[in-house]
Amino acid sequence: MKTNLLDFDLTGLSAWCLDLGEKRFRAVQLFRWIHQRGLADFSQMTDLAQSLRDKLQLHAQLTALPVISRHDSADGTIKWMFDVGQGNAIETVFIPETDRGTLCISSQAGCAVGCPFCSTGAQGFSRNLSTAEIIAQLWFAEHTLRQERGVDERVISNVVMMGMGEPLQNYAALIPALKIMLDDHGYGLSRRRVTVSTSGVVPMMDRLSLDCPVALAVSLHAPTDALRDHLVPLNLKYPLAELLQSCRDYLAHAPRDFITFEYCMLDGVNDSDEQARQLIALVRPALGELTPCKFNLIPFNPFPASGLLRSSPERVKAFAAILSEAGIVTTIRKTRGDDIAAACGQLAGDIQDRTDVSGRRAKTIRIHA
């Protein structure tokens, strides 16, 4: 069976090349062809020795994820749906802005955390993605967009691990993928521009701070353990005091001098003035020193099974004002791609696979993100 080279960071690819009897510099050349130039055809990698290209044809492959569909939003957002086998599909979203291009990547098919306001959680958990499946989303999107725009320079400047799944519950595959994103021979992204979003897997947050510290976003969503136990069931295992201490510890290693707290605004559930004041108390311990952080308030994108409603714009603004007046940087996330179901919390559903035009095969593919 051929090895998918998208599974390797540069250290892993170097070891694999050594096993082929090749020197490390060949791995660097190969890594650049794969990630900087987006090539999958070994015969076109012209600065590699012919003997190495012959070995690669025999032992290696570069396998992209099959594209099921693509949708382009009126606001420029692009959503791709990828088939990851066994009836599962994931979605990847590109969000263009004036000063950056952000790609939202999935790490699992489904999610086991089970937050009631997230449509992915309602779908359940299927499996972890491999490193190759994680990085293939970036590999495909970056080089597809370059080709469409007729440019050689990088299109994607930011990556957020905020698609389907809990990244820190797929740690073994996540770390090599992050290293590929950051490597100067790969995508050369800044640690400040790669963000891992977590619902609060405390031991893995602590490991990430040592193994590959990138920007961190924590899905908070509640100011008290009683409410967060319901909204983010992982809180039963890692309660708020433990989570906040891990956040403060992470700052010693983080590329940014703050932690981002994501907060989904749910009407009548977590959006009162009192709950805003409870959040302030949460991030400002008894000694009065504010935990370096910013809050990103996210308008909830309703789906039928949730039974939840979006807070009104006026309520969100009032909530934000209380946090801001306490000296906490607070932003309200602008909804992007909602006309193609690409906004936060919308990436889930069922589709029908009609790739066999003869009609002999029609299977349901579950989509999570």
Protein backbone atom coordinates (compact mmCIF):
# COMPACT_ATOMS: atom_id res chain seq x y z
CA MET A 1 0.00 0.00 0.00
CA LYS A 2 1.36 3.41 -0.97
CA THR A 3 2.05 6.03 1.71
CA ASN A 4 0.10 9.30 1.56
CA LEU A 5 2.79 11.96 1.99
CA LEU A 6 0.23 14.48 3.28
CA ASP A 7 0.42 12.55 6.56
CA PHE A 8 3.97 13.76 7.29
CA ASP A 9 5.35 16.92 8.81
CA LEU A 10 8.95 17.64 7.72
CA THR A 11 10.44 15.51 10.51
CA GLY A 12 8.24 12.58 9.55
CA LEU A 13 8.95 13.01 5.83
CA SER A 14 12.69 13.15 6.51
CA ALA A 15 12.51 9.85 8.40
CA TRP A 16 10.48 8.30 5.60
CA CYS A 17 13.01 9.46 2.99
CA LEU A 18 15.86 8.06 5.07
CA ASP A 19 14.08 4.69 4.99
CA LEU A 20 14.12 5.00 1.18
CA GLY A 21 17.89 5.58 1.30
CA GLU A 22 17.59 9.34 0.60
CA LYS A 23 19.19 12.30 2.39
CA ARG A 24 17.26 14.87 4.44
CA PHE A 25 17.64 17.66 1.86
CA ARG A 26 15.58 15.54 -0.53
CA ALA A 27 12.77 15.57 2.00
CA VAL A 28 12.95 19.38 2.13
CA GLN A 29 12.74 19.58 -1.66
CA LEU A 30 9.82 17.16 -1.73
CA PHE A 31 8.03 19.00 1.09
CA ARG A 32 8.27 22.26 -0.85
CA TRP A 33 6.88 20.69 -4.01
CA ILE A 34 3.94 19.28 -2.10
CA HIS A 35 2.96 22.22 0.08
CA GLN A 36 4.40 25.35 -1.51
CA ARG A 37 3.62 24.39 -5.11
CA GLY A 38 0.74 21.99 -4.57
CA LEU A 39 2.01 19.32 -6.94
CA ALA A 40 0.78 15.73 -6.76
CA ASP A 41 2.61 14.45 -9.85
CA PHE A 42 6.09 13.26 -8.87
CA SER A 43 7.27 13.31 -12.49
CA GLN A 44 6.95 17.12 -12.51
CA MET A 45 9.20 17.60 -9.46
CA THR A 46 12.12 18.48 -11.69
CA ASP A 47 14.86 19.11 -9.12
CA LEU A 48 14.45 15.62 -7.63
CA ALA A 49 16.76 12.91 -8.91
CA GLN A 50 15.11 10.56 -11.38
CA SER A 51 15.93 7.64 -9.09
CA LEU A 52 13.97 9.31 -6.26
CA ARG A 53 11.02 10.07 -8.54
CA ASP A 54 10.96 6.41 -9.55
CA LYS A 55 10.89 5.38 -5.87
CA LEU A 56 8.10 7.85 -5.18
CA GLN A 57 5.98 6.45 -8.01
CA LEU A 58 6.32 2.99 -6.45
CA HIS A 59 5.90 3.80 -2.76
CA ALA A 60 4.07 7.14 -2.34
CA GLN A 61 0.97 9.05 -3.29
CA LEU A 62 -0.62 12.42 -2.64
CA THR A 63 -4.31 11.82 -2.07
CA ALA A 64 -6.69 14.76 -2.01
CA LEU A 65 -10.14 14.45 -0.46
CA PRO A 66 -12.88 13.91 -3.06
CA VAL A 67 -14.96 17.06 -3.50
CA ILE A 68 -18.69 16.43 -3.25
CA SER A 69 -19.83 20.01 -3.73
CA ARG A 70 -18.86 23.66 -3.62
CA HIS A 71 -21.02 26.64 -2.73
CA ASP A 72 -20.09 30.31 -3.15
CA SER A 73 -21.77 32.90 -0.95
CA ALA A 74 -22.80 36.37 -2.03
CA ASP A 75 -20.27 37.73 0.49
CA GLY A 76 -17.37 35.78 -1.08
CA THR A 77 -17.33 32.92 1.42
CA ILE A 78 -16.69 29.50 -0.18
CA LYS A 79 -17.79 26.18 1.31
CA TRP A 80 -16.43 22.86 0.07
CA MET A 81 -17.89 19.51 1.06
CA PHE A 82 -15.41 16.62 1.12
CA ASP A 83 -16.10 12.88 1.20
CA VAL A 84 -14.07 11.18 3.96
CA GLY A 85 -15.46 7.72 3.35
CA GLN A 86 -17.86 5.32 5.08
CA GLY A 87 -20.81 7.65 4.51
CA ASN A 88 -19.17 10.63 6.22
CA ALA A 89 -18.51 14.07 4.81
CA ILE A 90 -16.94 17.21 6.23
CA GLU A 91 -17.06 20.83 5.17
CA THR A 92 -14.29 23.41 4.91
CA VAL A 93 -14.96 27.14 4.67
CA PHE A 94 -12.84 29.94 3.18
CA ILE A 95 -13.63 33.45 4.45
CA PRO A 96 -12.02 36.28 2.44
CA GLU A 97 -11.47 39.69 3.99
CA THR A 98 -9.62 42.79 2.88
CA ASP A 99 -6.50 42.11 4.93
CA ARG A 100 -6.55 38.30 5.20
CA GLY A 101 -7.98 35.03 3.97
CA THR A 102 -9.11 32.59 6.65
CA LEU A 103 -9.70 28.88 6.23
CA CYS A 104 -11.89 27.06 8.76
CA ILE A 105 -10.79 23.41 8.98
CA SER A 106 -12.41 20.31 10.49
CA SER A 107 -10.53 17.81 12.67
CA GLN A 108 -13.12 15.06 13.17
CA ALA A 109 -16.09 13.54 11.37
CA GLY A 110 -18.69 14.46 13.94
CA CYS A 111 -18.09 15.52 17.52
CA ALA A 112 -18.40 13.71 20.83
CA VAL A 113 -18.71 16.80 23.06
CA GLY A 114 -22.44 17.19 22.42
CA CYS A 115 -23.09 20.91 22.97
CA PRO A 116 -26.84 21.44 22.44
CA PHE A 117 -26.40 24.68 20.48
CA CYS A 118 -24.10 23.03 17.88
CA SER A 119 -25.62 21.11 15.00
CA THR A 120 -22.49 18.95 14.73
CA GLY A 121 -23.00 17.63 18.24
CA ALA A 122 -26.55 16.64 17.32
CA GLN A 123 -25.11 14.46 14.55
CA GLY A 124 -22.90 12.43 16.88
CA PHE A 125 -19.30 11.27 16.44
CA SER A 126 -17.97 9.02 13.68
CA ARG A 127 -14.16 9.14 13.79
CA ASN A 128 -11.00 11.23 13.98
CA LEU A 129 -9.53 12.57 10.76
CA SER A 130 -5.95 11.62 9.90
CA THR A 131 -3.22 14.24 9.58
CA ALA A 132 -3.51 13.81 5.81
CA GLU A 133 -7.27 14.51 5.91
CA ILE A 134 -6.76 17.60 8.05
CA ILE A 135 -3.96 19.06 5.93
CA ALA A 136 -5.64 18.04 2.65
CA GLN A 137 -8.29 20.69 3.33
CA LEU A 138 -5.63 23.41 3.36
CA TRP A 139 -3.64 21.85 0.51
CA PHE A 140 -6.69 21.75 -1.75
CA ALA A 141 -8.11 25.17 -0.82
CA GLU A 142 -4.80 27.06 -1.05
CA HIS A 143 -3.79 25.75 -4.44
CA THR A 144 -7.29 25.78 -5.92
CA LEU A 145 -7.68 29.44 -4.97
CA ARG A 146 -4.25 30.34 -6.34
CA GLN A 147 -5.10 28.70 -9.65
CA GLU A 148 -8.50 30.40 -9.88
CA ARG A 149 -6.99 33.80 -9.09
CA GLY A 150 -3.95 33.34 -11.30
CA VAL A 151 -1.50 34.15 -8.50
CA ASP A 152 1.60 32.49 -7.05
CA GLU A 153 1.54 34.17 -3.65
CA ARG A 154 -0.24 32.76 -0.61
CA VAL A 155 -4.02 33.24 -0.53
CA ILE A 156 -4.74 31.73 2.90
CA SER A 157 -3.07 33.76 5.65
CA ASN A 158 -5.01 32.41 8.65
CA VAL A 159 -6.19 28.95 9.67
CA VAL A 160 -8.74 28.30 12.39
CA MET A 161 -9.38 24.80 13.70
CA MET A 162 -13.03 25.68 14.24
CA GLY A 163 -14.78 23.35 11.84
CA MET A 164 -16.37 20.10 12.85
CA GLY A 165 -14.96 18.27 15.86
CA GLU A 166 -12.91 18.94 19.00
CA PRO A 167 -9.30 19.30 17.77
CA LEU A 168 -7.71 18.43 21.10
CA GLN A 169 -9.51 15.08 21.15
CA ASN A 170 -7.59 14.26 17.96
CA TYR A 171 -4.24 15.39 19.29
CA ALA A 172 -1.96 12.84 17.59
CA ALA A 173 -3.14 13.89 14.12
CA LEU A 174 -3.48 17.59 14.97
CA ILE A 175 0.14 18.29 15.98
CA PRO A 176 1.80 17.18 12.71
CA ALA A 177 -0.85 19.12 10.77
CA LEU A 178 -0.09 22.28 12.76
CA LYS A 179 3.64 21.82 12.19
CA ILE A 180 3.07 21.57 8.42
CA MET A 181 1.08 24.82 8.51
CA LEU A 182 3.82 26.60 10.44
CA ASP A 183 6.86 25.20 8.63
CA ASP A 184 8.69 27.72 6.41
CA HIS A 185 9.13 24.94 3.84
CA GLY A 186 5.37 24.30 3.99
CA TYR A 187 2.77 27.05 4.34
CA GLY A 188 4.88 29.37 6.49
CA LEU A 189 1.98 30.60 8.62
CA SER A 190 2.65 32.60 11.77
CA ARG A 191 1.78 30.99 15.11
CA ARG A 192 -0.36 34.06 15.73
CA ARG A 193 -2.40 33.25 12.63
CA VAL A 194 -3.12 29.60 13.39
CA THR A 195 -5.84 29.14 16.01
CA VAL A 196 -6.96 25.98 17.77
CA SER A 197 -10.46 26.20 19.18
CA THR A 198 -11.29 23.91 22.09
CA SER A 199 -14.25 23.28 24.34
CA GLY A 200 -11.80 22.89 27.20
CA VAL A 201 -9.81 19.64 27.10
CA VAL A 202 -7.52 20.83 29.90
CA PRO A 203 -4.76 18.17 29.79
CA MET A 204 -4.37 18.61 26.04
CA MET A 205 -4.33 22.40 26.37
CA ASP A 206 -1.41 21.98 28.74
CA ARG A 207 0.36 19.67 26.26
CA LEU A 208 -0.31 22.00 23.33
CA SER A 209 1.37 24.87 25.19
CA LEU A 210 4.59 22.82 25.21
CA ASP A 211 4.37 20.86 21.95
CA CYS A 212 3.13 23.46 19.47
CA PRO A 213 1.82 26.69 21.03
CA VAL A 214 -0.45 28.50 18.60
CA ALA A 215 -3.26 30.98 19.23
CA LEU A 216 -5.94 29.51 21.48
CA ALA A 217 -9.70 30.05 21.44
CA VAL A 218 -11.79 28.52 24.22
CA SER A 219 -15.49 27.83 23.74
CA LEU A 220 -16.77 29.21 27.03
CA HIS A 221 -20.49 29.95 26.48
CA ALA A 222 -21.45 30.18 30.17
CA PRO A 223 -20.27 32.06 33.28
CA THR A 224 -21.07 29.35 35.85
CA ASP A 225 -20.42 25.63 36.18
CA ALA A 226 -24.14 24.90 36.60
CA LEU A 227 -24.99 26.38 33.20
CA ARG A 228 -21.82 25.26 31.42
CA ASP A 229 -22.38 21.66 32.54
CA HIS A 230 -25.48 21.79 30.34
CA LEU A 231 -24.17 23.86 27.42
CA VAL A 232 -20.68 22.29 27.23
CA PRO A 233 -20.89 18.81 28.80
CA LEU A 234 -17.09 18.53 28.90
CA ASN A 235 -17.33 20.98 31.81
CA LEU A 236 -18.43 18.07 34.01
CA LYS A 237 -14.90 16.70 33.64
CA TYR A 238 -12.95 19.97 33.50
CA PRO A 239 -14.88 22.67 35.42
CA LEU A 240 -14.37 26.39 35.01
CA ALA A 241 -11.78 26.93 37.75
CA GLU A 242 -9.56 24.24 36.22
CA LEU A 243 -10.17 25.55 32.71
CA LEU A 244 -9.34 29.16 33.59
CA GLN A 245 -6.14 28.13 35.35
CA SER A 246 -5.07 26.19 32.25
CA CYS A 247 -5.77 29.29 30.14
CA ARG A 248 -3.59 31.43 32.40
CA ASP A 249 -0.82 28.81 32.25
CA TYR A 250 -1.07 28.70 28.45
CA LEU A 251 -0.33 32.41 28.20
CA ALA A 252 3.28 31.82 29.27
CA HIS A 253 3.84 29.97 25.97
CA ALA A 254 1.25 31.52 23.65
CA PRO A 255 2.19 33.59 20.58
CA ARG A 256 -0.49 36.11 21.57
CA ASP A 257 -0.73 37.81 24.93
CA PHE A 258 -4.40 36.91 25.40
CA ILE A 259 -6.82 34.02 25.20
CA THR A 260 -9.94 34.34 23.05
CA PHE A 261 -13.16 33.22 24.70
CA GLU A 262 -15.91 32.25 22.27
CA TYR A 263 -19.40 32.90 23.61
CA CYS A 264 -22.51 31.86 21.65
CA MET A 265 -25.38 34.21 22.47
CA LEU A 266 -28.53 32.24 23.35
CA ASP A 267 -31.74 34.10 24.02
CA GLY A 268 -32.81 33.84 27.65
CA VAL A 269 -30.12 31.25 28.43
CA ASN A 270 -26.74 32.98 28.81
CA ASP A 271 -27.27 36.58 27.69
CA SER A 272 -28.48 38.54 30.75
CA ASP A 273 -26.73 41.55 32.28
CA GLU A 274 -26.11 39.51 35.43
CA GLN A 275 -24.43 36.77 33.41
CA ALA A 276 -22.18 39.37 31.78
CA ARG A 277 -21.15 40.52 35.26
CA GLN A 278 -20.54 36.88 36.27
CA LEU A 279 -18.20 36.54 33.29
CA ILE A 280 -16.25 39.56 34.45
CA ALA A 281 -15.88 37.99 37.90
CA LEU A 282 -14.80 34.72 36.28
CA VAL A 283 -11.88 36.24 34.39
CA ARG A 284 -10.97 38.66 37.20
CA PRO A 285 -9.96 36.52 40.22
CA ALA A 286 -10.23 37.71 43.81
CA LEU A 287 -6.99 39.70 43.64
CA GLY A 288 -8.53 41.84 40.93
CA GLU A 289 -6.06 41.08 38.13
CA LEU A 290 -7.81 40.55 34.82
CA THR A 291 -6.90 37.37 32.93
CA PRO A 292 -5.59 38.64 29.57
CA CYS A 293 -8.42 37.77 27.24
CA LYS A 294 -10.89 38.96 24.68
CA PHE A 295 -14.47 37.87 24.18
CA ASN A 296 -15.88 37.00 20.78
CA LEU A 297 -19.68 37.07 21.01
CA ILE A 298 -21.22 34.78 18.38
CA PRO A 299 -24.81 35.19 17.19
CA PHE A 300 -26.40 31.75 17.44
CA ASN A 301 -27.39 30.15 14.13
CA PRO A 302 -30.58 28.23 14.98
CA PHE A 303 -31.32 24.72 13.79
CA PRO A 304 -34.60 22.88 14.45
CA ALA A 305 -33.34 20.22 16.88
CA SER A 306 -31.77 22.72 19.27
CA GLY A 307 -34.92 24.33 20.68
CA LEU A 308 -32.80 27.47 21.18
CA LEU A 309 -33.11 31.00 19.85
CA ARG A 310 -30.63 33.71 18.88
CA SER A 311 -30.27 36.67 21.22
CA SER A 312 -31.54 39.89 19.71
CA PRO A 313 -28.96 42.32 18.28
CA GLU A 314 -29.89 44.81 21.02
CA ARG A 315 -29.28 42.21 23.76
CA VAL A 316 -25.92 41.23 22.23
CA LYS A 317 -24.85 44.89 22.10
CA ALA A 318 -25.90 45.48 25.70
CA PHE A 319 -24.03 42.37 26.84
CA ALA A 320 -20.93 43.48 24.93
CA ALA A 321 -21.13 46.94 26.46
CA ILE A 322 -20.97 45.56 30.00
CA LEU A 323 -17.85 43.54 29.18
CA SER A 324 -16.23 46.47 27.38
CA GLU A 325 -16.90 48.86 30.25
CA ALA A 326 -15.02 46.44 32.53
CA GLY A 327 -11.96 46.78 30.31
CA ILE A 328 -12.39 43.52 28.39
CA VAL A 329 -11.84 43.65 24.64
CA THR A 330 -15.12 42.42 23.17
CA THR A 331 -16.12 41.83 19.58
CA ILE A 332 -19.34 40.64 17.98
CA ARG A 333 -18.69 38.13 15.25
CA LYS A 334 -20.05 39.10 11.88
CA THR A 335 -22.05 36.24 10.37
CA ARG A 336 -20.51 35.11 7.09
CA GLY A 337 -21.77 32.59 4.57
CA ASP A 338 -25.16 32.03 6.19
CA ASP A 339 -26.83 32.00 2.75
CA ILE A 340 -24.88 28.80 1.95
CA ALA A 341 -25.13 27.33 5.49
CA ALA A 342 -21.43 28.06 6.09
CA ALA A 343 -21.82 30.21 9.20
CA CYS A 344 -20.74 29.16 12.67
CA GLY A 345 -22.72 26.12 13.82
CA GLN A 346 -24.42 25.55 10.48
CA LEU A 347 -22.11 22.96 8.96
CA ALA A 348 -24.20 19.83 9.40
CA GLY A 349 -26.89 17.94 7.55
CA ASP A 350 -27.67 15.06 5.23
CA ILE A 351 -27.03 14.91 1.51
CA GLN A 352 -27.56 12.31 -1.15
CA ASP A 353 -24.49 10.96 -2.95
CA ARG A 354 -25.31 10.95 -6.64
CA THR A 355 -21.83 10.44 -8.01
CA ASP A 356 -23.03 7.34 -9.86
CA VAL A 357 -25.12 8.93 -12.61
CA SER A 358 -26.47 5.53 -13.66
CA GLY A 359 -28.59 5.54 -10.51
CA ARG A 360 -27.26 2.20 -9.27
CA ARG A 361 -25.84 3.75 -6.10
CA ALA A 362 -27.51 6.30 -3.84
CA LYS A 363 -26.29 6.55 -0.29
CA THR A 364 -26.81 9.07 2.45
CA ILE A 365 -23.70 10.95 3.48
CA ARG A 366 -23.69 12.50 6.92
CA ILE A 367 -22.15 15.95 7.04
CA HIS A 368 -20.56 17.32 10.17
CA ALA A 369 -18.76 20.56 10.83
